[in-house]
C-alpha atoms as a PDB file:
ATOM      1  CA  UNK A   1       7.647   4.763  -6.719  1.00  0.00           C
ATOM      2  CA  UNK A   2       9.399   1.396  -6.681  1.00  0.00           C
ATOM      3  CA  UNK A   3       6.740  -0.400  -4.693  1.00  0.00           C
ATOM      4  CA  UNK A   4       4.314  -0.349  -7.594  1.00  0.00           C
ATOM      5  CA  UNK A   5       6.596  -2.633  -9.593  1.00  0.00           C
ATOM      6  CA  UNK A   6       5.478  -5.482  -7.336  1.00  0.00           C
ATOM      7  CA  UNK A   7       2.684  -7.354  -9.168  1.00  0.00           C
ATOM      8  CA  UNK A   8       1.222  -8.734  -5.925  1.00  0.00           C
ATOM      9  CA  UNK A   9       0.899  -5.235  -4.519  1.00  0.00           C
ATOM     10  CA  UNK A  10      -0.772  -4.052  -7.730  1.00  0.00           C
ATOM     11  CA  UNK A  11      -3.283  -6.908  -7.508  1.00  0.00           C
ATOM     12  CA  UNK A  12      -3.942  -6.181  -3.851  1.00  0.00           C
ATOM     13  CA  UNK A  13      -4.528  -2.461  -4.401  1.00  0.00           C
ATOM     14  CA  UNK A  14      -6.664  -3.059  -7.477  1.00  0.00           C
ATOM     15  CA  UNK A  15      -8.813  -5.574  -5.595  1.00  0.00           C
ATOM     16  CA  UNK A  16      -9.131  -3.235  -2.622  1.00  0.00           C
ATOM     17  CA  UNK A  17     -10.101  -0.335  -4.890  1.00  0.00           C
ATOM     18  CA  UNK A  18     -12.623  -2.472  -6.783  1.00  0.00           C
ATOM     19  CA  UNK A  19     -14.329  -3.666  -3.598  1.00  0.00           C
ATOM     20  CA  UNK A  20     -14.353  -0.131  -2.253  1.00  0.00           C
ATOM     21  CA  UNK A  21     -15.907   1.181  -5.470  1.00  0.00           C
ATOM     22  CA  UNK A  22     -18.635  -1.458  -5.366  1.00  0.00           C
ATOM     23  CA  UNK A  23     -19.412  -0.725  -1.713  1.00  0.00           C
ATOM     24  CA  UNK A  24     -19.444   3.034  -2.336  1.00  0.00           C
ATOM     25  CA  UNK A  25     -21.852   2.608  -5.242  1.00  0.00           C
ATOM     26  CA  UNK A  26     -24.177   0.454  -3.127  1.00  0.00           C
ATOM     27  CA  UNK A  27     -23.979   2.950  -0.268  1.00  0.00           C
ATOM     28  CA  UNK A  28     -24.737   5.933  -2.540  1.00  0.00           C
ATOM     29  CA  UNK A  29     -27.693   4.046  -3.967  1.00  0.00           C
ATOM     30  CA  UNK A  30     -29.007   3.533  -0.444  1.00  0.00           C
ATOM     31  CA  UNK A  31     -28.321   7.019   0.908  1.00  0.00           C
ATOM     32  CA  UNK A  32     -25.940   9.828  -0.181  1.00  0.00           C
ATOM     33  CA  UNK A  33     -24.681  10.435   3.364  1.00  0.00           C
ATOM     34  CA  UNK A  34     -23.916   6.755   3.788  1.00  0.00           C
ATOM     35  CA  UNK A  35     -22.131   6.833   0.442  1.00  0.00           C
ATOM     36  CA  UNK A  36     -19.911   9.698   1.560  1.00  0.00           C
ATOM     37  CA  UNK A  37     -19.093   7.915   4.823  1.00  0.00           C
ATOM     38  CA  UNK A  38     -18.224   4.689   3.027  1.00  0.00           C
ATOM     39  CA  UNK A  39     -16.131   6.622   0.493  1.00  0.00           C
ATOM     40  CA  UNK A  40     -14.172   8.396   3.235  1.00  0.00           C
ATOM     41  CA  UNK A  41     -13.702   5.187   5.194  1.00  0.00           C
ATOM     42  CA  UNK A  42     -12.492   3.331   2.111  1.00  0.00           C
ATOM     43  CA  UNK A  43     -10.067   6.124   1.248  1.00  0.00           C
ATOM     44  CA  UNK A  44      -8.677   6.117   4.787  1.00  0.00           C
ATOM     45  CA  UNK A  45      -8.159   2.346   4.715  1.00  0.00           C
ATOM     46  CA  UNK A  46      -6.473   2.443   1.310  1.00  0.00           C
ATOM     47  CA  UNK A  47      -4.170   5.306   2.375  1.00  0.00           C
ATOM     48  CA  UNK A  48      -3.315   3.546   5.645  1.00  0.00           C
ATOM     49  CA  UNK A  49      -2.502   0.393   3.713  1.00  0.00           C
ATOM     50  CA  UNK A  50      -0.234   2.354   1.371  1.00  0.00           C
ATOM     51  CA  UNK A  51       1.509   4.081   4.279  1.00  0.00           C
ATOM     52  CA  UNK A  52       2.280   0.765   5.986  1.00  0.00           C
ATOM     53  CA  UNK A  53       3.445  -0.748   2.701  1.00  0.00           C
ATOM     54  CA  UNK A  54       5.760   2.176   1.945  1.00  0.00           C
ATOM     55  CA  UNK A  55       7.193   1.976   5.461  1.00  0.00           C
ATOM     56  CA  UNK A  56       7.727  -1.780   5.086  1.00  0.00           C
ATOM     57  CA  UNK A  57       9.507  -1.282   1.746  1.00  0.00           C
ATOM     58  CA  UNK A  58      11.772   1.372   3.276  1.00  0.00           C
ATOM     59  CA  UNK A  59      12.777  -1.020   6.057  1.00  0.00           C
ATOM     60  CA  UNK A  60      13.458  -3.766   3.511  1.00  0.00           C
ATOM     61  CA  UNK A  61      15.545  -1.361   1.389  1.00  0.00           C
ATOM     62  CA  UNK A  62      17.564  -0.294   4.443  1.00  0.00           C
ATOM     63  CA  UNK A  63      18.199  -3.917   5.430  1.00  0.00           C
ATOM     64  CA  UNK A  64      19.250  -4.708   1.863  1.00  0.00           C
ATOM     65  CA  UNK A  65      21.743  -1.834   1.901  1.00  0.00           C
ATOM     66  CA  UNK A  66      23.163  -3.025   5.228  1.00  0.00           C
ATOM     67  CA  UNK A  67      23.529  -6.583   3.925  1.00  0.00           C
ATOM     68  CA  UNK A  68      25.255  -5.318   0.752  1.00  0.00           C
ATOM     69  CA  UNK A  69      27.608  -3.244   2.874  1.00  0.00           C
ATOM     70  CA  UNK A  70      28.552  -6.250   4.996  1.00  0.00           C
ATOM     71  CA  UNK A  71      28.978  -8.552   2.008  1.00  0.00           C
ATOM     72  CA  UNK A  72      30.937  -6.146  -0.182  1.00  0.00           C
ATOM     73  CA  UNK A  73      32.952  -4.373   2.469  1.00  0.00           C
ATOM     74  CA  UNK A  74      36.668  -4.337   1.756  1.00  0.00           C
ATOM     75  CA  UNK A  75      38.669  -5.737   4.612  1.00  0.00           C
ATOM     76  CA  UNK A  76      42.133  -4.281   5.098  1.00  0.00           C
ATOM     77  CA  UNK A  77      44.541  -6.600   6.868  1.00  0.00           C
END
């Protein structure tokens, strides 16, 4: 996927995954059920973040195509 070429997005996802891993480990240490709930919640938040990011990149790609079409359109007079 093209969105993973963005270094800022990679940093963001890596940081989010690292924090989630730390919280899941703490939660499992406290109680296995809490660990599962934190794991599921973290996974849902990471997937939601990815869905919104993919949607945003699609909109940007569509706008870029429209701008290219306007700029490079041949005008017949």
